[in-house]
Amino acid sequence: MGAQAHSDYRRGVARLHRYFAENSTLYAELTDADNLWRTEITVFMLALLSSRDLKERMTEGVKKEVEERLRSDLEDDIIKAEVAMVRRQLESLTDCSLEEGSCSRPDGTCCGAKDCK
């Protein structure tokens, strides 16, 4: 990692940490870790809880409660974009199942393959 990329990364993490420390109930509940770990876990949990695959498995009541809780943590556009990027990475892991020969991606491609078969 180059010096500029490392500097950008540190500034980005510092911004995430400041935002979460001031605004996130999820971050506040993670007490047994240092600030960097709490920040990373918060982003991961927000991405996981907002993922399409997990939401499809939630009952309506649970989904509503999760969405209400996420709303306050995702008010900031930069935080929302960071979480969306991680969520897309998580969702890409479940978009295709090569063992089953099926693919849920709209364009019918799986993991770089031309088709799912």
C-alpha atoms as a PDB file:
ATOM      1  CA  MET A   1       0.000   0.000   0.000  1.00  0.00           C
ATOM      2  CA  GLY A   2       1.449   3.350  -1.025  1.00  0.00           C
ATOM      3  CA  ALA A   3       1.852   6.227   1.392  1.00  0.00           C
ATOM      4  CA  GLN A   4      -1.069   8.166  -0.094  1.00  0.00           C
ATOM      5  CA  ALA A   5      -3.389   5.141  -0.031  1.00  0.00           C
ATOM      6  CA  HIS A   6      -2.415   4.413   3.568  1.00  0.00           C
ATOM      7  CA  SER A   7      -3.025   8.027   4.545  1.00  0.00           C
ATOM      8  CA  ASP A   8      -6.431   8.004   2.799  1.00  0.00           C
ATOM      9  CA  TYR A   9      -7.325   4.755   4.582  1.00  0.00           C
ATOM     10  CA  ARG A  10      -6.403   6.177   7.999  1.00  0.00           C
ATOM     11  CA  ARG A  11      -8.425   9.353   7.358  1.00  0.00           C
ATOM     12  CA  GLY A  12     -11.402   7.268   6.218  1.00  0.00           C
ATOM     13  CA  VAL A  13     -11.260   5.041   9.295  1.00  0.00           C
ATOM     14  CA  ALA A  14     -10.916   8.083  11.554  1.00  0.00           C
ATOM     15  CA  ARG A  15     -14.010   9.629   9.962  1.00  0.00           C
ATOM     16  CA  LEU A  16     -15.990   6.400  10.365  1.00  0.00           C
ATOM     17  CA  HIS A  17     -14.868   6.142  13.979  1.00  0.00           C
ATOM     18  CA  ARG A  18     -15.875   9.733  14.786  1.00  0.00           C
ATOM     19  CA  TYR A  19     -19.280   9.284  13.192  1.00  0.00           C
ATOM     20  CA  PHE A  20     -19.981   5.982  14.910  1.00  0.00           C
ATOM     21  CA  ALA A  21     -18.710   7.191  18.291  1.00  0.00           C
ATOM     22  CA  GLU A  22     -21.088  10.162  18.101  1.00  0.00           C
ATOM     23  CA  ASN A  23     -24.112   8.536  16.438  1.00  0.00           C
ATOM     24  CA  SER A  24     -24.171   4.750  16.486  1.00  0.00           C
ATOM     25  CA  THR A  25     -25.940   2.720  19.150  1.00  0.00           C
ATOM     26  CA  LEU A  26     -24.476  -0.437  17.619  1.00  0.00           C
ATOM     27  CA  TYR A  27     -20.935   0.944  17.994  1.00  0.00           C
ATOM     28  CA  ALA A  28     -21.667   1.953  21.592  1.00  0.00           C
ATOM     29  CA  GLU A  29     -22.755  -1.601  22.415  1.00  0.00           C
ATOM     30  CA  LEU A  30     -19.419  -3.070  21.280  1.00  0.00           C
ATOM     31  CA  THR A  31     -17.377  -2.511  24.404  1.00  0.00           C
ATOM     32  CA  ASP A  32     -14.771  -5.295  24.387  1.00  0.00           C
ATOM     33  CA  ALA A  33     -12.599  -4.056  21.531  1.00  0.00           C
ATOM     34  CA  ASP A  34     -10.395  -1.168  20.495  1.00  0.00           C
ATOM     35  CA  ASN A  35     -11.755   1.666  18.360  1.00  0.00           C
ATOM     36  CA  LEU A  36     -10.520   0.300  15.019  1.00  0.00           C
ATOM     37  CA  TRP A  37     -12.036  -3.129  15.676  1.00  0.00           C
ATOM     38  CA  ARG A  38     -15.317  -1.596  16.875  1.00  0.00           C
ATOM     39  CA  THR A  39     -15.449   0.546  13.733  1.00  0.00           C
ATOM     40  CA  GLU A  40     -14.806  -2.399  11.415  1.00  0.00           C
ATOM     41  CA  ILE A  41     -17.336  -4.615  13.219  1.00  0.00           C
ATOM     42  CA  THR A  42     -19.941  -1.828  13.082  1.00  0.00           C
ATOM     43  CA  VAL A  43     -19.532  -1.468   9.297  1.00  0.00           C
ATOM     44  CA  PHE A  44     -19.687  -5.244   8.850  1.00  0.00           C
ATOM     45  CA  MET A  45     -22.788  -5.650  11.043  1.00  0.00           C
ATOM     46  CA  LEU A  46     -24.589  -2.777   9.308  1.00  0.00           C
ATOM     47  CA  ALA A  47     -23.781  -4.350   5.943  1.00  0.00           C
ATOM     48  CA  LEU A  48     -24.869  -7.803   7.084  1.00  0.00           C
ATOM     49  CA  LEU A  49     -28.128  -6.574   8.625  1.00  0.00           C
ATOM     50  CA  SER A  50     -28.983  -4.616   5.482  1.00  0.00           C
ATOM     51  CA  SER A  51     -28.071  -7.420   3.068  1.00  0.00           C
ATOM     52  CA  ARG A  52     -30.745  -8.643   0.706  1.00  0.00           C
ATOM     53  CA  ASP A  53     -30.203 -12.319   1.600  1.00  0.00           C
ATOM     54  CA  LEU A  54     -30.599 -11.806   5.339  1.00  0.00           C
ATOM     55  CA  LYS A  55     -33.574  -9.449   4.963  1.00  0.00           C
ATOM     56  CA  GLU A  56     -35.399 -12.088   2.912  1.00  0.00           C
ATOM     57  CA  ARG A  57     -35.162 -14.468   5.866  1.00  0.00           C
ATOM     58  CA  MET A  58     -36.479 -12.002   8.452  1.00  0.00           C
ATOM     59  CA  THR A  59     -40.080 -11.883   9.580  1.00  0.00           C
ATOM     60  CA  GLU A  60     -41.822  -8.579   8.855  1.00  0.00           C
ATOM     61  CA  GLY A  61     -41.655  -7.518  12.505  1.00  0.00           C
ATOM     62  CA  VAL A  62     -37.932  -8.212  12.789  1.00  0.00           C
ATOM     63  CA  LYS A  63     -37.251  -6.584   9.416  1.00  0.00           C
ATOM     64  CA  LYS A  64     -39.084  -3.419  10.503  1.00  0.00           C
ATOM     65  CA  GLU A  65     -37.172  -3.249  13.793  1.00  0.00           C
ATOM     66  CA  VAL A  66     -33.815  -3.787  12.050  1.00  0.00           C
ATOM     67  CA  GLU A  67     -34.589  -1.142   9.414  1.00  0.00           C
ATOM     68  CA  GLU A  68     -35.554   1.382  12.101  1.00  0.00           C
ATOM     69  CA  ARG A  69     -32.344   0.692  13.969  1.00  0.00           C
ATOM     70  CA  LEU A  70     -30.224   0.908  10.823  1.00  0.00           C
ATOM     71  CA  ARG A  71     -31.816   4.161   9.700  1.00  0.00           C
ATOM     72  CA  SER A  72     -30.089   6.247  12.365  1.00  0.00           C
ATOM     73  CA  ASP A  73     -26.722   4.572  11.788  1.00  0.00           C
ATOM     74  CA  LEU A  74     -26.956   5.146   8.038  1.00  0.00           C
ATOM     75  CA  GLU A  75     -28.038   8.802   7.927  1.00  0.00           C
ATOM     76  CA  ASP A  76     -24.626   9.991   6.792  1.00  0.00           C
ATOM     77  CA  ASP A  77     -24.120   9.538   3.017  1.00  0.00           C
ATOM     78  CA  ILE A  78     -20.436   8.598   3.347  1.00  0.00           C
ATOM     79  CA  ILE A  79     -21.236   5.950   5.978  1.00  0.00           C
ATOM     80  CA  LYS A  80     -24.108   4.687   3.841  1.00  0.00           C
ATOM     81  CA  ALA A  81     -21.782   4.374   0.833  1.00  0.00           C
ATOM     82  CA  GLU A  82     -19.138   2.506   2.852  1.00  0.00           C
ATOM     83  CA  VAL A  83     -21.720   0.083   4.222  1.00  0.00           C
ATOM     84  CA  ALA A  84     -23.235  -0.385   0.747  1.00  0.00           C
ATOM     85  CA  MET A  85     -19.841  -1.344  -0.654  1.00  0.00           C
ATOM     86  CA  VAL A  86     -19.327  -3.995   2.033  1.00  0.00           C
ATOM     87  CA  ARG A  87     -22.944  -5.168   1.593  1.00  0.00           C
ATOM     88  CA  ARG A  88     -22.385  -5.637  -2.156  1.00  0.00           C
ATOM     89  CA  GLN A  89     -19.308  -7.726  -1.397  1.00  0.00           C
ATOM     90  CA  LEU A  90     -21.296  -9.884   1.021  1.00  0.00           C
ATOM     91  CA  GLU A  91     -24.185 -10.269  -1.408  1.00  0.00           C
ATOM     92  CA  SER A  92     -21.828 -11.291  -4.201  1.00  0.00           C
ATOM     93  CA  LEU A  93     -20.884 -14.311  -2.089  1.00  0.00           C
ATOM     94  CA  THR A  94     -24.465 -15.562  -2.154  1.00  0.00           C
ATOM     95  CA  ASP A  95     -25.470 -14.478  -5.664  1.00  0.00           C
ATOM     96  CA  CYS A  96     -24.497 -17.739  -7.227  1.00  0.00           C
ATOM     97  CA  SER A  97     -24.193 -21.322  -6.208  1.00  0.00           C
ATOM     98  CA  LEU A  98     -21.972 -23.178  -8.633  1.00  0.00           C
ATOM     99  CA  GLU A  99     -22.570 -26.474  -6.818  1.00  0.00           C
ATOM    100  CA  GLU A 100     -26.298 -26.234  -7.515  1.00  0.00           C
ATOM    101  CA  GLY A 101     -25.779 -24.910 -11.032  1.00  0.00           C
ATOM    102  CA  SER A 102     -28.013 -21.918 -10.409  1.00  0.00           C
ATOM    103  CA  CYS A 103     -27.407 -18.232 -10.353  1.00  0.00           C
ATOM    104  CA  SER A 104     -29.472 -15.426  -8.889  1.00  0.00           C
ATOM    105  CA  ARG A 105     -27.622 -12.650 -10.673  1.00  0.00           C
ATOM    106  CA  PRO A 106     -29.904 -10.838 -13.117  1.00  0.00           C
ATOM    107  CA  ASP A 107     -27.546 -11.196 -16.065  1.00  0.00           C
ATOM    108  CA  GLY A 108     -27.150 -14.951 -15.500  1.00  0.00           C
ATOM    109  CA  THR A 109     -23.411 -14.902 -14.924  1.00  0.00           C
ATOM    110  CA  CYS A 110     -21.755 -16.407 -11.886  1.00  0.00           C
ATOM    111  CA  CYS A 111     -18.406 -15.543 -10.447  1.00  0.00           C
ATOM    112  CA  GLY A 112     -17.002 -14.483 -13.798  1.00  0.00           C
ATOM    113  CA  ALA A 113     -18.294 -17.529 -15.658  1.00  0.00           C
ATOM    114  CA  LYS A 114     -20.300 -17.043 -18.858  1.00  0.00           C
ATOM    115  CA  ASP A 115     -23.174 -19.058 -17.461  1.00  0.00           C
ATOM    116  CA  CYS A 116     -24.110 -21.016 -14.354  1.00  0.00           C
ATOM    117  CA  LYS A 117     -23.941 -24.487 -15.851  1.00  0.00           C
END
